[in-house]
PDB file of N, CA and C in Angstrom:
ATOM      1  N   UNK A   1     119.196 103.988  90.698  1.00  0.00           N
ATOM      2  CA  UNK A   1     118.054 104.568  91.651  1.00  0.00           C
ATOM      3  C   UNK A   1     117.044 103.190  91.602  1.00  0.00           C
ATOM      4  N   UNK A   2     116.600 103.066  92.805  1.00  0.00           N
ATOM      5  CA  UNK A   2     115.598 102.161  92.835  1.00  0.00           C
ATOM      6  C   UNK A   2     114.158 102.880  92.671  1.00  0.00           C
ATOM      7  N   UNK A   3     113.262 102.139  91.946  1.00  0.00           N
ATOM      8  CA  UNK A   3     111.928 102.685  91.702  1.00  0.00           C
ATOM      9  C   UNK A   3     110.900 101.793  92.196  1.00  0.00           C
ATOM     10  N   UNK A   4     110.131 102.148  93.198  1.00  0.00           N
ATOM     11  CA  UNK A   4     108.932 101.125  93.666  1.00  0.00           C
ATOM     12  C   UNK A   4     107.718 101.610  93.071  1.00  0.00           C
ATOM     13  N   UNK A   5     106.845 100.673  92.754  1.00  0.00           N
ATOM     14  CA  UNK A   5     105.356 100.998  92.327  1.00  0.00           C
ATOM     15  C   UNK A   5     104.539 100.698  93.572  1.00  0.00           C
ATOM     16  N   UNK A   6     103.543 101.720  93.791  1.00  0.00           N
ATOM     17  CA  UNK A   6     102.291 101.472  94.520  1.00  0.00           C
ATOM     18  C   UNK A   6     101.124 101.768  93.884  1.00  0.00           C
ATOM     19  N   UNK A   7     100.416 100.632  93.777  1.00  0.00           N
ATOM     20  CA  UNK A   7      99.052 100.499  93.230  1.00  0.00           C
ATOM     21  C   UNK A   7      97.935 100.976  94.225  1.00  0.00           C
ATOM     22  N   UNK A   8      97.040 101.617  93.753  1.00  0.00           N
ATOM     23  CA  UNK A   8      95.786 101.786  94.838  1.00  0.00           C
ATOM     24  C   UNK A   8      95.224 100.617  95.630  1.00  0.00           C
ATOM     25  N   UNK A   9      95.467  99.429  94.754  1.00  0.00           N
ATOM     26  CA  UNK A   9      94.809  98.287  95.399  1.00  0.00           C
ATOM     27  C   UNK A   9      95.527  97.819  96.549  1.00  0.00           C
ATOM     28  N   UNK A  10      96.719  98.269  96.835  1.00  0.00           N
ATOM     29  CA  UNK A  10      97.379  98.064  98.001  1.00  0.00           C
ATOM     30  C   UNK A  10      97.029  98.596  99.306  1.00  0.00           C
ATOM     31  N   UNK A  11      96.262  99.613  99.052  1.00  0.00           N
ATOM     32  CA  UNK A  11      95.671 100.569 100.402  1.00  0.00           C
ATOM     33  C   UNK A  11      94.250 100.300 100.340  1.00  0.00           C
ATOM     34  N   UNK A  12      93.565  99.699  99.350  1.00  0.00           N
ATOM     35  CA  UNK A  12      91.904  99.602  99.352  1.00  0.00           C
ATOM     36  C   UNK A  12      91.428  98.681 100.446  1.00  0.00           C
ATOM     37  N   UNK A  13      90.707  99.252 101.308  1.00  0.00           N
ATOM     38  CA  UNK A  13      89.875  98.815 102.262  1.00  0.00           C
ATOM     39  C   UNK A  13      88.953  97.735 101.671  1.00  0.00           C
ATOM     40  N   UNK A  14      88.394  97.942 100.605  1.00  0.00           N
ATOM     41  CA  UNK A  14      87.479  97.080  99.994  1.00  0.00           C
ATOM     42  C   UNK A  14      87.996  95.682  99.469  1.00  0.00           C
ATOM     43  N   UNK A  15      89.288  95.582  99.543  1.00  0.00           N
ATOM     44  CA  UNK A  15      89.936  94.351  99.072  1.00  0.00           C
ATOM     45  C   UNK A  15      90.583  93.637 100.146  1.00  0.00           C
ATOM     46  N   UNK A  16      90.672  92.334 100.176  1.00  0.00           N
ATOM     47  CA  UNK A  16      91.315  91.436 100.917  1.00  0.00           C
ATOM     48  C   UNK A  16      92.721  91.094 100.375  1.00  0.00           C
ATOM     49  N   UNK A  17      93.606  90.529 101.292  1.00  0.00           N
ATOM     50  CA  UNK A  17      94.780  90.532 101.162  1.00  0.00           C
ATOM     51  C   UNK A  17      95.187  89.608  99.913  1.00  0.00           C
ATOM     52  N   UNK A  18      94.243  88.540  99.603  1.00  0.00           N
ATOM     53  CA  UNK A  18      94.386  87.748  98.294  1.00  0.00           C
ATOM     54  C   UNK A  18      94.045  88.442  97.257  1.00  0.00           C
ATOM     55  N   UNK A  19      93.205  89.585  97.258  1.00  0.00           N
ATOM     56  CA  UNK A  19      92.965  90.382  96.081  1.00  0.00           C
ATOM     57  C   UNK A  19      93.811  91.594  95.911  1.00  0.00           C
ATOM     58  N   UNK A  20      94.982  91.777  96.717  1.00  0.00           N
ATOM     59  CA  UNK A  20      95.943  92.641  96.457  1.00  0.00           C
ATOM     60  C   UNK A  20      96.309  93.672  97.427  1.00  0.00           C
ATOM     61  N   UNK A  21      95.439  93.863  98.539  1.00  0.00           N
ATOM     62  CA  UNK A  21      95.753  94.625  99.854  1.00  0.00           C
ATOM     63  C   UNK A  21      97.003  94.409 100.651  1.00  0.00           C
ATOM     64  N   UNK A  22      97.794  95.218 100.658  1.00  0.00           N
ATOM     65  CA  UNK A  22      99.115  94.927 101.273  1.00  0.00           C
ATOM     66  C   UNK A  22      99.260  95.420 102.706  1.00  0.00           C
ATOM     67  N   UNK A  23      98.310  96.337 103.241  1.00  0.00           N
ATOM     68  CA  UNK A  23      98.440  96.938 104.674  1.00  0.00           C
ATOM     69  C   UNK A  23      97.363  96.404 105.568  1.00  0.00           C
ATOM     70  N   UNK A  24      97.576  96.468 106.798  1.00  0.00           N
ATOM     71  CA  UNK A  24      96.530  95.968 107.705  1.00  0.00           C
ATOM     72  C   UNK A  24      95.092  96.689 107.422  1.00  0.00           C
ATOM     73  N   UNK A  25      94.015  95.970 107.985  1.00  0.00           N
ATOM     74  CA  UNK A  25      92.796  96.548 107.502  1.00  0.00           C
ATOM     75  C   UNK A  25      92.710  98.216 108.204  1.00  0.00           C
ATOM     76  N   UNK A  26      93.388  98.141 109.349  1.00  0.00           N
ATOM     77  CA  UNK A  26      93.182  99.309 110.217  1.00  0.00           C
ATOM     78  C   UNK A  26      94.036 100.710 109.312  1.00  0.00           C
ATOM     79  N   UNK A  27      94.943 100.273 108.432  1.00  0.00           N
ATOM     80  CA  UNK A  27      95.726 101.303 107.664  1.00  0.00           C
ATOM     81  C   UNK A  27      94.933 101.553 106.286  1.00  0.00           C
ATOM     82  N   UNK A  28      94.217 100.683 105.908  1.00  0.00           N
ATOM     83  CA  UNK A  28      93.487 100.759 104.694  1.00  0.00           C
ATOM     84  C   UNK A  28      92.346 101.752 104.493  1.00  0.00           C
ATOM     85  N   UNK A  29      92.248 102.236 103.426  1.00  0.00           N
ATOM     86  CA  UNK A  29      91.147 103.475 103.073  1.00  0.00           C
ATOM     87  C   UNK A  29      90.262 102.972 102.140  1.00  0.00           C
ATOM     88  N   UNK A  30      89.055 103.355 101.964  1.00  0.00           N
ATOM     89  CA  UNK A  30      88.214 103.163 100.677  1.00  0.00           C
ATOM     90  C   UNK A  30      88.563 103.912  99.524  1.00  0.00           C
ATOM     91  N   UNK A  31      88.644 102.960  98.542  1.00  0.00           N
ATOM     92  CA  UNK A  31      89.074 103.646  97.277  1.00  0.00           C
ATOM     93  C   UNK A  31      90.033 104.794  97.208  1.00  0.00           C
ATOM     94  N   UNK A  32      91.241 104.552  97.488  1.00  0.00           N
ATOM     95  CA  UNK A  32      92.356 105.412  97.369  1.00  0.00           C
ATOM     96  C   UNK A  32      92.542 105.920  95.936  1.00  0.00           C
ATOM     97  N   UNK A  33      93.122 107.378  95.663  1.00  0.00           N
ATOM     98  CA  UNK A  33      93.391 107.675  94.409  1.00  0.00           C
ATOM     99  C   UNK A  33      94.898 107.692  94.545  1.00  0.00           C
ATOM    100  N   UNK A  34      95.376 107.821  93.092  1.00  0.00           N
ATOM    101  CA  UNK A  34      96.852 107.968  92.873  1.00  0.00           C
ATOM    102  C   UNK A  34      97.353 109.437  93.195  1.00  0.00           C
ATOM    103  N   UNK A  35      96.262 110.435  93.217  1.00  0.00           N
ATOM    104  CA  UNK A  35      96.785 111.802  93.610  1.00  0.00           C
ATOM    105  C   UNK A  35      96.990 111.605  95.244  1.00  0.00           C
ATOM    106  N   UNK A  36      96.227 110.953  95.898  1.00  0.00           N
ATOM    107  CA  UNK A  36      96.320 110.839  97.605  1.00  0.00           C
ATOM    108  C   UNK A  36      97.601 110.164  97.702  1.00  0.00           C
ATOM    109  N   UNK A  37      97.934 109.212  97.114  1.00  0.00           N
ATOM    110  CA  UNK A  37      99.034 108.443  97.192  1.00  0.00           C
ATOM    111  C   UNK A  37     100.321 109.010  96.939  1.00  0.00           C
ATOM    112  N   UNK A  38     100.427 109.780  95.810  1.00  0.00           N
ATOM    113  CA  UNK A  38     101.379 110.433  95.322  1.00  0.00           C
ATOM    114  C   UNK A  38     101.707 111.858  96.443  1.00  0.00           C
ATOM    115  N   UNK A  39     100.708 112.312  96.928  1.00  0.00           N
ATOM    116  CA  UNK A  39     100.803 113.508  97.789  1.00  0.00           C
ATOM    117  C   UNK A  39     101.551 112.755  99.300  1.00  0.00           C
ATOM    118  N   UNK A  40     101.118 111.507  99.627  1.00  0.00           N
ATOM    119  CA  UNK A  40     101.590 111.032 100.957  1.00  0.00           C
ATOM    120  C   UNK A  40     102.792 110.619 100.458  1.00  0.00           C
ATOM    121  N   UNK A  41     103.501 110.138  99.408  1.00  0.00           N
ATOM    122  CA  UNK A  41     104.739 109.742  98.948  1.00  0.00           C
ATOM    123  C   UNK A  41     105.613 111.033  98.955  1.00  0.00           C
ATOM    124  N   UNK A  42     105.088 112.412  98.576  1.00  0.00           N
ATOM    125  CA  UNK A  42     106.123 113.353  98.714  1.00  0.00           C
ATOM    126  C   UNK A  42     106.149 113.993 100.284  1.00  0.00           C
ATOM    127  N   UNK A  43     104.857 113.822 101.016  1.00  0.00           N
ATOM    128  CA  UNK A  43     105.089 114.179 102.279  1.00  0.00           C
ATOM    129  C   UNK A  43     106.263 113.209 103.029  1.00  0.00           C
ATOM    130  N   UNK A  44     106.243 111.962 102.653  1.00  0.00           N
ATOM    131  CA  UNK A  44     107.322 111.253 103.469  1.00  0.00           C
ATOM    132  C   UNK A  44     108.864 111.906 102.838  1.00  0.00           C
ATOM    133  N   UNK A  45     108.772 112.256 101.601  1.00  0.00           N
ATOM    134  CA  UNK A  45     110.164 112.993 101.194  1.00  0.00           C
ATOM    135  C   UNK A  45     110.824 112.345 100.084  1.00  0.00           C
ATOM    136  N   UNK A  46     109.924 111.318  99.427  1.00  0.00           N
ATOM    137  CA  UNK A  46     110.366 110.908  98.026  1.00  0.00           C
ATOM    138  C   UNK A  46     109.663 111.506  96.964  1.00  0.00           C
ATOM    139  N   UNK A  47     110.221 111.270  95.609  1.00  0.00           N
ATOM    140  CA  UNK A  47     109.788 111.889  94.562  1.00  0.00           C
ATOM    141  C   UNK A  47     108.693 110.701  94.044  1.00  0.00           C
ATOM    142  N   UNK A  48     107.508 111.470  93.409  1.00  0.00           N
ATOM    143  CA  UNK A  48     106.450 110.370  92.950  1.00  0.00           C
ATOM    144  C   UNK A  48     106.023 110.733  91.585  1.00  0.00           C
ATOM    145  N   UNK A  49     105.752 109.897  90.733  1.00  0.00           N
ATOM    146  CA  UNK A  49     105.323 110.103  89.561  1.00  0.00           C
ATOM    147  C   UNK A  49     104.142 109.241  89.214  1.00  0.00           C
ATOM    148  N   UNK A  50     102.932 109.871  88.858  1.00  0.00           N
ATOM    149  CA  UNK A  50     101.809 109.383  88.788  1.00  0.00           C
ATOM    150  C   UNK A  50     101.520 108.909  87.113  1.00  0.00           C
ATOM    151  N   UNK A  51     101.243 107.622  86.964  1.00  0.00           N
ATOM    152  CA  UNK A  51     101.216 107.152  85.710  1.00  0.00           C
ATOM    153  C   UNK A  51      99.608 106.748  85.798  1.00  0.00           C
ATOM    154  N   UNK A  52      98.575 107.452  85.040  1.00  0.00           N
ATOM    155  CA  UNK A  52      97.086 107.290  85.132  1.00  0.00           C
ATOM    156  C   UNK A  52      96.741 106.522  84.122  1.00  0.00           C
ATOM    157  N   UNK A  53      97.544 105.805  83.110  1.00  0.00           N
ATOM    158  CA  UNK A  53      96.849 105.004  82.110  1.00  0.00           C
ATOM    159  C   UNK A  53      97.349 103.494  82.225  1.00  0.00           C
ATOM    160  N   UNK A  54      97.660 103.021  83.390  1.00  0.00           N
ATOM    161  CA  UNK A  54      98.056 101.826  83.998  1.00  0.00           C
ATOM    162  C   UNK A  54      96.945 100.981  84.586  1.00  0.00           C
ATOM    163  N   UNK A  55      97.121  99.650  84.456  1.00  0.00           N
ATOM    164  CA  UNK A  55      96.050  98.837  85.260  1.00  0.00           C
ATOM    165  C   UNK A  55      96.679  97.842  86.056  1.00  0.00           C
ATOM    166  N   UNK A  56      96.134  97.681  87.298  1.00  0.00           N
ATOM    167  CA  UNK A  56      96.674  96.536  87.913  1.00  0.00           C
ATOM    168  C   UNK A  56      96.474  95.192  87.529  1.00  0.00           C
ATOM    169  N   UNK A  57      97.445  94.477  87.744  1.00  0.00           N
ATOM    170  CA  UNK A  57      97.514  92.998  86.792  1.00  0.00           C
ATOM    171  C   UNK A  57      95.972  92.322  87.366  1.00  0.00           C
ATOM    172  N   UNK A  58      95.615  92.479  88.652  1.00  0.00           N
ATOM    173  CA  UNK A  58      94.493  91.639  89.062  1.00  0.00           C
ATOM    174  C   UNK A  58      93.234  92.153  88.680  1.00  0.00           C
ATOM    175  N   UNK A  59      93.203  93.309  88.093  1.00  0.00           N
ATOM    176  CA  UNK A  59      92.085  94.171  87.522  1.00  0.00           C
ATOM    177  C   UNK A  59      92.267  94.758  86.246  1.00  0.00           C
ATOM    178  N   UNK A  60      92.702  94.129  85.143  1.00  0.00           N
ATOM    179  CA  UNK A  60      92.943  94.795  83.954  1.00  0.00           C
ATOM    180  C   UNK A  60      92.156  95.677  83.221  1.00  0.00           C
ATOM    181  N   UNK A  61      91.006  95.598  83.537  1.00  0.00           N
ATOM    182  CA  UNK A  61      89.851  96.290  82.895  1.00  0.00           C
ATOM    183  C   UNK A  61      89.681  97.606  83.610  1.00  0.00           C
ATOM    184  N   UNK A  62      90.202  97.922  84.646  1.00  0.00           N
ATOM    185  CA  UNK A  62      90.070  99.310  85.467  1.00  0.00           C
ATOM    186  C   UNK A  62      91.395 100.117  85.266  1.00  0.00           C
ATOM    187  N   UNK A  63      91.460 101.215  84.647  1.00  0.00           N
ATOM    188  CA  UNK A  63      92.501 101.910  84.826  1.00  0.00           C
ATOM    189  C   UNK A  63      92.682 102.834  85.910  1.00  0.00           C
ATOM    190  N   UNK A  64      93.226 102.409  87.079  1.00  0.00           N
ATOM    191  CA  UNK A  64      93.105 103.238  88.236  1.00  0.00           C
ATOM    192  C   UNK A  64      94.523 104.056  88.445  1.00  0.00           C
ATOM    193  N   UNK A  65      95.404 103.446  87.594  1.00  0.00           N
ATOM    194  CA  UNK A  65      96.722 104.219  87.626  1.00  0.00           C
ATOM    195  C   UNK A  65      97.774 103.470  88.619  1.00  0.00           C
ATOM    196  N   UNK A  66      98.798 104.156  88.765  1.00  0.00           N
ATOM    197  CA  UNK A  66      99.880 103.770  89.764  1.00  0.00           C
ATOM    198  C   UNK A  66     100.700 104.918  90.185  1.00  0.00           C
ATOM    199  N   UNK A  67     101.439 104.743  91.086  1.00  0.00           N
ATOM    200  CA  UNK A  67     102.464 105.856  91.599  1.00  0.00           C
ATOM    201  C   UNK A  67     103.812 105.151  91.705  1.00  0.00           C
ATOM    202  N   UNK A  68     104.883 105.791  90.827  1.00  0.00           N
ATOM    203  CA  UNK A  68     106.210 105.289  90.942  1.00  0.00           C
ATOM    204  C   UNK A  68     106.852 105.911  91.950  1.00  0.00           C
ATOM    205  N   UNK A  69     107.467 105.442  93.027  1.00  0.00           N
ATOM    206  CA  UNK A  69     108.098 106.092  93.843  1.00  0.00           C
ATOM    207  C   UNK A  69     109.758 105.980  93.508  1.00  0.00           C
ATOM    208  N   UNK A  70     110.449 107.194  93.300  1.00  0.00           N
ATOM    209  CA  UNK A  70     111.806 107.269  93.208  1.00  0.00           C
ATOM    210  C   UNK A  70     112.692 107.873  94.458  1.00  0.00           C
ATOM    211  N   UNK A  71     113.888 107.162  94.561  1.00  0.00           N
ATOM    212  CA  UNK A  71     114.581 107.622  95.688  1.00  0.00           C
ATOM    213  C   UNK A  71     114.713 106.860  97.010  1.00  0.00           C
ATOM    214  N   UNK A  72     113.491 105.801  96.937  1.00  0.00           N
ATOM    215  CA  UNK A  72     113.401 105.073  98.347  1.00  0.00           C
ATOM    216  C   UNK A  72     114.369 103.923  98.667  1.00  0.00           C
ATOM    217  N   UNK A  73     115.487 104.262  98.220  1.00  0.00           N
ATOM    218  CA  UNK A  73     116.578 103.302  98.422  1.00  0.00           C
ATOM    219  C   UNK A  73     116.758 102.641  99.928  1.00  0.00           C
ATOM    220  N   UNK A  74     116.550 103.591 100.922  1.00  0.00           N
ATOM    221  CA  UNK A  74     116.726 103.334 102.145  1.00  0.00           C
ATOM    222  C   UNK A  74     115.844 102.411 102.808  1.00  0.00           C
ATOM    223  N   UNK A  75     114.716 102.165 102.269  1.00  0.00           N
ATOM    224  CA  UNK A  75     113.620 101.453 102.991  1.00  0.00           C
ATOM    225  C   UNK A  75     113.079 100.321 102.070  1.00  0.00           C
ATOM    226  N   UNK A  76     112.520  99.236 102.799  1.00  0.00           N
ATOM    227  CA  UNK A  76     111.927  98.100 101.981  1.00  0.00           C
ATOM    228  C   UNK A  76     110.609  98.730 101.490  1.00  0.00           C
ATOM    229  N   UNK A  77     110.142  97.919 100.722  1.00  0.00           N
ATOM    230  CA  UNK A  77     108.902  98.277  99.856  1.00  0.00           C
ATOM    231  C   UNK A  77     107.764  98.196 100.964  1.00  0.00           C
ATOM    232  N   UNK A  78     107.726  97.282 101.703  1.00  0.00           N
ATOM    233  CA  UNK A  78     106.560  97.100 102.690  1.00  0.00           C
ATOM    234  C   UNK A  78     106.710  98.190 103.593  1.00  0.00           C
ATOM    235  N   UNK A  79     107.700  98.714 104.095  1.00  0.00           N
ATOM    236  CA  UNK A  79     107.893  99.931 104.973  1.00  0.00           C
ATOM    237  C   UNK A  79     107.248 101.247 104.084  1.00  0.00           C
ATOM    238  N   UNK A  80     107.642 101.277 103.177  1.00  0.00           N
ATOM    239  CA  UNK A  80     107.102 102.245 102.324  1.00  0.00           C
ATOM    240  C   UNK A  80     105.668 102.181 102.136  1.00  0.00           C
ATOM    241  N   UNK A  81     104.959 101.232 101.649  1.00  0.00           N
ATOM    242  CA  UNK A  81     103.425 101.141 101.716  1.00  0.00           C
ATOM    243  C   UNK A  81     103.021 101.151 102.771  1.00  0.00           C
ATOM    244  N   UNK A  82     103.377 100.724 103.995  1.00  0.00           N
ATOM    245  CA  UNK A  82     102.868 101.213 105.345  1.00  0.00           C
ATOM    246  C   UNK A  82     102.781 102.508 105.712  1.00  0.00           C
ATOM    247  N   UNK A  83     103.804 103.179 105.463  1.00  0.00           N
ATOM    248  CA  UNK A  83     103.977 104.709 105.631  1.00  0.00           C
ATOM    249  C   UNK A  83     102.837 105.631 104.805  1.00  0.00           C
ATOM    250  N   UNK A  84     102.987 105.277 103.591  1.00  0.00           N
ATOM    251  CA  UNK A  84     102.103 105.960 102.596  1.00  0.00           C
ATOM    252  C   UNK A  84     100.726 105.670 103.174  1.00  0.00           C
ATOM    253  N   UNK A  85     100.273 104.570 103.505  1.00  0.00           N
ATOM    254  CA  UNK A  85      98.906 104.181 104.019  1.00  0.00           C
ATOM    255  C   UNK A  85      98.506 104.827 105.200  1.00  0.00           C
ATOM    256  N   UNK A  86      99.576 105.144 106.113  1.00  0.00           N
ATOM    257  CA  UNK A  86      99.333 105.982 107.384  1.00  0.00           C
ATOM    258  C   UNK A  86      99.025 107.332 107.011  1.00  0.00           C
ATOM    259  N   UNK A  87     100.008 107.904 106.075  1.00  0.00           N
ATOM    260  CA  UNK A  87      99.590 109.245 105.535  1.00  0.00           C
ATOM    261  C   UNK A  87      98.327 109.600 104.802  1.00  0.00           C
ATOM    262  N   UNK A  88      97.779 108.378 103.889  1.00  0.00           N
ATOM    263  CA  UNK A  88      96.765 108.626 103.098  1.00  0.00           C
ATOM    264  C   UNK A  88      95.437 108.576 104.284  1.00  0.00           C
ATOM    265  N   UNK A  89      95.384 107.700 105.423  1.00  0.00           N
ATOM    266  CA  UNK A  89      94.599 107.623 106.360  1.00  0.00           C
ATOM    267  C   UNK A  89      94.459 108.897 107.207  1.00  0.00           C
ATOM    268  N   UNK A  90      95.447 109.602 107.435  1.00  0.00           N
ATOM    269  CA  UNK A  90      95.864 110.785 108.261  1.00  0.00           C
ATOM    270  C   UNK A  90      95.046 111.990 107.510  1.00  0.00           C
ATOM    271  N   UNK A  91      95.180 111.957 106.079  1.00  0.00           N
ATOM    272  CA  UNK A  91      94.793 113.043 105.289  1.00  0.00           C
ATOM    273  C   UNK A  91      93.183 112.981 105.341  1.00  0.00           C
ATOM    274  N   UNK A  92      92.625 111.695 105.424  1.00  0.00           N
ATOM    275  CA  UNK A  92      91.203 111.710 105.122  1.00  0.00           C
ATOM    276  C   UNK A  92      90.516 112.071 106.432  1.00  0.00           C
ATOM    277  N   UNK A  93      91.328 112.105 107.576  1.00  0.00           N
ATOM    278  CA  UNK A  93      90.435 112.571 109.035  1.00  0.00           C
ATOM    279  C   UNK A  93      90.251 113.800 108.954  1.00  0.00           C
TER     280      UNK A  93
END
């Protein structure tokens, strides 16, 4: 089973691409949480496991956590991150 990891930095509108953002600025949101990401992953139809005690490698001092996505065998990581970003943005409206 393939596991993908989604870090909040991937969706953070306050970051640049070189700082770790992986989605276009239009899909990015300010300070996304692992709970929002996990809820979006579940809405898409995959299993999400929240790991709160993890730190993104580009900011090892901040434990913002990460979401491990299980069962996303049929999509690329980029497609998955884009879909999650769209759901998080829609949830905030």
